[in-house]
């Protein structure tokens, strides 16, 4: 299946990308848009790519999720309905890949991403105030599920930008400010990452040496990113979300037109 031998300089170079990705991922999601090309560039065999990246990213996202949840004073059990909805939909989305060609979703994203960025994140006060209190608790849970289920299905079917879409959806549909919306996105990411990592480990598709080393670096990145988001809130998260939307648009356009 291949291996990856890096010099000290190689580790340092890869670590720089992983750290930056961790910072961005903790704030707005989308860290894989940076780490996946970096691992390939530094020589990680494709067969080990997704599993190794998932090990490192899972280690990091646990740290940022714990910091966010503790900061907003949430109780973990209140996240259960949306997590179950997202995981169930993700499993269905993964099965749909066997029946449908996922290429069509790339074209859909090319049209949707600019609209999302301009109509939602283009508003300077988007996600600045928390207006979720206007909904009753049962109504809010239903709205969370309405966001988590379709984006969870997208995660299983295609995947890139899932955390970003969740944060935007929770803010737009549920009225959460961006910090609370990002917290909920991270909780779902954490559980879905853990499930995917277990699958990769059982299949032997993980470089433990690289994954654990980069996981420590990713933890540092997620700690820094979550610290920045908690300290600056909307001012840090909104531009990061715009940046990830732009980066995702470029990646999808490349995938479509560079064939």
Protein backbone atom coordinates (compact mmCIF):
# COMPACT_ATOMS: atom_id res chain seq x y z
CA UNK A 1 0.00 0.00 0.00
CA UNK A 2 3.05 2.25 0.15
CA UNK A 3 4.75 4.29 2.81
CA UNK A 4 5.95 7.81 3.41
CA UNK A 5 9.47 8.66 4.60
CA UNK A 6 10.08 12.30 5.41
CA UNK A 7 13.20 14.20 6.39
CA UNK A 8 13.09 16.59 9.31
CA UNK A 9 12.63 19.43 6.83
CA UNK A 10 9.80 17.49 5.19
CA UNK A 11 8.02 17.07 8.51
CA UNK A 12 8.44 20.76 9.23
CA UNK A 13 7.04 21.75 5.83
CA UNK A 14 4.04 19.43 6.11
CA UNK A 15 3.45 20.53 9.70
CA UNK A 16 3.21 24.16 8.58
CA UNK A 17 0.35 23.31 6.20
CA UNK A 18 -1.38 21.12 8.78
CA UNK A 19 -1.15 23.81 11.47
CA UNK A 20 -2.60 26.50 9.18
CA UNK A 21 -5.34 24.09 8.11
CA UNK A 22 -6.13 23.40 11.77
CA UNK A 23 -6.50 27.10 12.53
CA UNK A 24 -8.82 27.62 9.57
CA UNK A 25 -10.76 24.40 10.19
CA UNK A 26 -11.41 25.33 13.82
CA UNK A 27 -12.85 28.69 12.75
CA UNK A 28 -14.74 27.88 9.57
CA UNK A 29 -14.25 24.25 8.53
CA UNK A 30 -12.67 23.23 5.25
CA UNK A 31 -9.24 22.25 6.57
CA UNK A 32 -9.14 19.27 4.23
CA UNK A 33 -8.96 21.66 1.27
CA UNK A 34 -5.45 22.46 2.49
CA UNK A 35 -4.25 19.21 4.07
CA UNK A 36 -5.24 16.73 1.35
CA UNK A 37 -3.17 18.42 -1.41
CA UNK A 38 -0.34 18.93 1.11
CA UNK A 39 -0.14 15.24 2.05
CA UNK A 40 -0.05 14.29 -1.62
CA UNK A 41 2.61 16.90 -2.38
CA UNK A 42 4.83 15.53 0.40
CA UNK A 43 4.51 11.97 -0.90
CA UNK A 44 1.74 10.24 1.07
CA UNK A 45 0.40 7.32 -1.01
CA UNK A 46 -3.16 7.95 -2.23
CA UNK A 47 -4.37 4.75 -0.56
CA UNK A 48 -3.44 6.20 2.85
CA UNK A 49 -4.50 9.78 2.11
CA UNK A 50 -8.04 9.98 3.46
CA UNK A 51 -7.46 7.79 6.51
CA UNK A 52 -4.29 9.57 7.61
CA UNK A 53 -5.86 12.97 7.13
CA UNK A 54 -8.92 11.81 9.08
CA UNK A 55 -6.76 10.68 12.02
CA UNK A 56 -4.99 14.03 12.28
CA UNK A 57 -8.12 16.10 11.72
CA UNK A 58 -10.14 14.08 14.25
CA UNK A 59 -7.53 14.73 16.93
CA UNK A 60 -7.72 18.45 16.23
CA UNK A 61 -11.48 18.79 15.96
CA UNK A 62 -11.98 17.15 19.36
CA UNK A 63 -9.97 19.98 20.92
CA UNK A 64 -11.80 22.85 19.20
CA UNK A 65 -15.20 21.23 19.78
CA UNK A 66 -14.54 20.82 23.50
CA UNK A 67 -13.44 24.46 23.77
CA UNK A 68 -16.51 25.75 21.92
CA UNK A 69 -18.98 23.62 23.89
CA UNK A 70 -17.43 24.64 27.20
CA UNK A 71 -17.36 28.31 26.20
CA UNK A 72 -21.04 28.55 25.27
CA UNK A 73 -22.09 26.46 28.27
CA UNK A 74 -24.00 23.89 26.21
CA UNK A 75 -25.04 20.47 27.45
CA UNK A 76 -23.85 17.68 25.11
CA UNK A 77 -27.21 15.88 25.19
CA UNK A 78 -28.95 18.81 23.51
CA UNK A 79 -26.93 18.07 20.37
CA UNK A 80 -28.11 14.44 20.14
CA UNK A 81 -31.07 14.89 17.73
CA UNK A 82 -29.11 16.82 15.11
CA UNK A 83 -26.10 14.46 15.41
CA UNK A 84 -28.30 11.39 14.90
CA UNK A 85 -30.00 13.06 11.94
CA UNK A 86 -26.67 14.00 10.35
CA UNK A 87 -25.09 10.56 10.82
CA UNK A 88 -28.16 8.75 9.49
CA UNK A 89 -28.38 11.02 6.46
CA UNK A 90 -24.63 10.70 5.88
CA UNK A 91 -24.91 6.91 5.77
CA UNK A 92 -27.76 7.21 3.25
CA UNK A 93 -25.71 9.67 1.21
CA UNK A 94 -22.77 7.27 1.14
CA UNK A 95 -25.04 4.52 -0.15
CA UNK A 96 -26.40 6.87 -2.82
CA UNK A 97 -22.89 7.16 -4.28
CA UNK A 98 -23.28 3.54 -5.39
CA UNK A 99 -26.38 4.44 -7.40
CA UNK A 100 -25.76 8.00 -8.62
CA UNK A 101 -22.93 9.87 -10.27
CA UNK A 102 -21.68 12.51 -7.79
CA UNK A 103 -20.24 14.65 -10.61
CA UNK A 104 -23.52 16.53 -10.97
CA UNK A 105 -23.10 17.99 -7.51
CA UNK A 106 -19.88 19.69 -8.60
CA UNK A 107 -21.80 21.67 -11.20
CA UNK A 108 -24.47 22.49 -8.63
CA UNK A 109 -21.80 23.79 -6.23
CA UNK A 110 -20.29 26.00 -8.93
CA UNK A 111 -23.62 27.79 -9.16
CA UNK A 112 -24.53 27.65 -5.48
CA UNK A 113 -21.29 28.77 -3.81
CA UNK A 114 -21.23 32.32 -5.21
CA UNK A 115 -24.91 32.71 -4.30
CA UNK A 116 -24.25 31.48 -0.75
CA UNK A 117 -21.30 33.83 -0.36
CA UNK A 118 -23.05 36.90 -1.76
CA UNK A 119 -26.54 36.56 -0.32
CA UNK A 120 -25.61 35.18 3.10
CA UNK A 121 -22.03 36.01 4.02
CA UNK A 122 -22.01 39.18 1.93
CA UNK A 123 -24.07 40.83 4.67
CA UNK A 124 -21.64 42.39 7.11
CA UNK A 125 -23.86 41.66 10.12
CA UNK A 126 -24.62 38.06 9.14
CA UNK A 127 -24.37 35.85 12.22
CA UNK A 128 -23.42 38.73 14.51
CA UNK A 129 -26.51 38.61 16.72
CA UNK A 130 -28.12 35.48 18.16
CA UNK A 131 -31.85 35.48 17.41
CA UNK A 132 -32.52 31.81 18.16
CA UNK A 133 -34.54 32.71 21.28
CA UNK A 134 -37.49 33.64 19.07
CA UNK A 135 -38.03 29.90 18.49
CA UNK A 136 -39.36 27.51 21.12
CA UNK A 137 -36.95 24.68 22.11
CA UNK A 138 -38.91 22.04 20.12
CA UNK A 139 -39.03 24.32 17.06
CA UNK A 140 -35.31 24.97 17.35
CA UNK A 141 -34.56 21.23 17.51
CA UNK A 142 -36.63 20.71 14.37
CA UNK A 143 -34.75 23.47 12.59
CA UNK A 144 -31.40 21.98 13.65
CA UNK A 145 -32.45 18.62 12.21
CA UNK A 146 -33.64 20.36 9.02
CA UNK A 147 -30.12 21.73 8.59
CA UNK A 148 -28.18 18.66 9.78
CA UNK A 149 -29.99 16.03 7.70
CA UNK A 150 -29.53 17.37 4.14
CA UNK A 151 -25.98 18.57 4.79
CA UNK A 152 -25.22 15.24 6.45
CA UNK A 153 -26.44 13.50 3.29
CA UNK A 154 -24.18 15.80 1.25
CA UNK A 155 -21.27 14.83 3.52
CA UNK A 156 -21.79 11.15 2.83
CA UNK A 157 -22.37 11.70 -0.88
CA UNK A 158 -19.65 14.23 -1.69
CA UNK A 159 -18.24 16.00 1.37
CA UNK A 160 -16.02 19.06 0.81
CA UNK A 161 -17.07 22.10 2.83
CA UNK A 162 -19.53 20.25 5.06
CA UNK A 163 -18.51 22.08 8.24
CA UNK A 164 -18.75 25.43 6.50
CA UNK A 165 -22.23 24.68 5.13
CA UNK A 166 -23.37 23.50 8.57
CA UNK A 167 -22.19 26.71 10.25
CA UNK A 168 -23.92 28.86 7.64
CA UNK A 169 -27.09 26.76 7.83
CA UNK A 170 -27.35 26.83 11.61
CA UNK A 171 -26.92 30.60 11.60
CA UNK A 172 -29.31 31.23 8.72
CA UNK A 173 -32.09 28.77 9.63
CA UNK A 174 -31.84 28.60 13.41
CA UNK A 175 -30.80 32.19 14.15
CA UNK A 176 -27.61 31.28 16.02
CA UNK A 177 -24.72 33.69 15.97
CA UNK A 178 -21.68 32.38 14.16
CA UNK A 179 -19.95 31.17 17.32
CA UNK A 180 -22.94 29.05 18.40
CA UNK A 181 -23.49 27.88 14.80
CA UNK A 182 -19.83 26.88 14.49
CA UNK A 183 -20.05 24.97 17.78
CA UNK A 184 -22.91 22.86 16.44
CA UNK A 185 -21.09 22.29 13.17
CA UNK A 186 -18.04 21.10 15.09
CA UNK A 187 -20.07 18.66 17.21
CA UNK A 188 -21.40 17.01 14.05
CA UNK A 189 -17.95 17.03 12.42
CA UNK A 190 -16.43 15.42 15.51
CA UNK A 191 -18.85 12.50 15.55
CA UNK A 192 -18.78 11.93 11.79
CA UNK A 193 -14.98 12.08 11.75
CA UNK A 194 -14.75 9.49 14.52
CA UNK A 195 -17.06 7.13 12.63
CA UNK A 196 -15.11 7.55 9.39
CA UNK A 197 -11.76 7.12 11.18
CA UNK A 198 -12.89 3.79 12.67
CA UNK A 199 -13.67 2.56 9.16
CA UNK A 200 -10.27 3.61 7.81
CA UNK A 201 -8.41 2.05 10.76
CA UNK A 202 -10.20 -1.27 10.35
CA UNK A 203 -9.33 -1.23 6.64
CA UNK A 204 -5.65 -0.50 7.34
CA UNK A 205 -5.81 2.74 5.37
CA UNK A 206 -4.02 4.95 7.91
CA UNK A 207 -0.34 5.84 8.36
CA UNK A 208 -0.25 5.94 12.16
CA UNK A 209 3.23 7.48 12.23
CA UNK A 210 2.30 10.43 10.03
CA UNK A 211 -1.27 10.72 11.29
CA UNK A 212 -0.33 10.90 14.97
CA UNK A 213 2.54 13.33 14.35
CA UNK A 214 0.36 15.62 12.26
CA UNK A 215 -2.49 15.13 14.73
CA UNK A 216 -0.42 16.82 17.43
CA UNK A 217 0.24 19.70 15.04
CA UNK A 218 -3.45 19.82 14.14
CA UNK A 219 -4.37 20.00 17.83
CA UNK A 220 -2.19 23.10 18.13
CA UNK A 221 -3.87 24.62 15.07
CA UNK A 222 -7.37 23.88 16.35
CA UNK A 223 -6.51 25.29 19.76
CA UNK A 224 -5.24 28.52 18.17
CA UNK A 225 -8.18 28.79 15.79
CA UNK A 226 -10.82 28.18 18.46
CA UNK A 227 -9.09 30.65 20.76
CA UNK A 228 -9.24 33.28 18.02
CA UNK A 229 -12.90 32.53 17.22
CA UNK A 230 -13.93 32.65 20.89
CA UNK A 231 -12.03 35.89 21.45
CA UNK A 232 -13.16 37.71 18.31
CA UNK A 233 -16.37 35.85 17.42
CA UNK A 234 -18.14 37.17 14.32
CA UNK A 235 -15.12 39.28 13.30
CA UNK A 236 -12.95 36.16 12.95
CA UNK A 237 -15.49 33.60 11.73
CA UNK A 238 -17.25 35.54 8.95
CA UNK A 239 -14.13 36.31 6.83
CA UNK A 240 -12.88 32.75 7.37
CA UNK A 241 -16.17 31.37 6.06
CA UNK A 242 -15.93 33.64 3.02
CA UNK A 243 -12.38 32.43 2.43
CA UNK A 244 -13.35 28.76 2.63
CA UNK A 245 -16.28 29.30 0.25
CA UNK A 246 -13.88 30.91 -2.22
CA UNK A 247 -11.30 28.13 -1.85
CA UNK A 248 -13.97 25.47 -2.28
CA UNK A 249 -15.24 27.21 -5.42
CA UNK A 250 -11.71 27.18 -6.90
CA UNK A 251 -11.24 23.49 -6.04
CA UNK A 252 -14.57 22.44 -7.53
CA UNK A 253 -13.96 24.51 -10.68
CA UNK A 254 -10.54 22.87 -11.07
CA UNK A 255 -12.06 19.40 -10.63
CA UNK A 256 -14.68 20.16 -13.29
CA UNK A 257 -12.63 21.92 -15.95
CA UNK A 258 -9.15 20.45 -15.53
CA UNK A 259 -10.15 16.98 -16.67
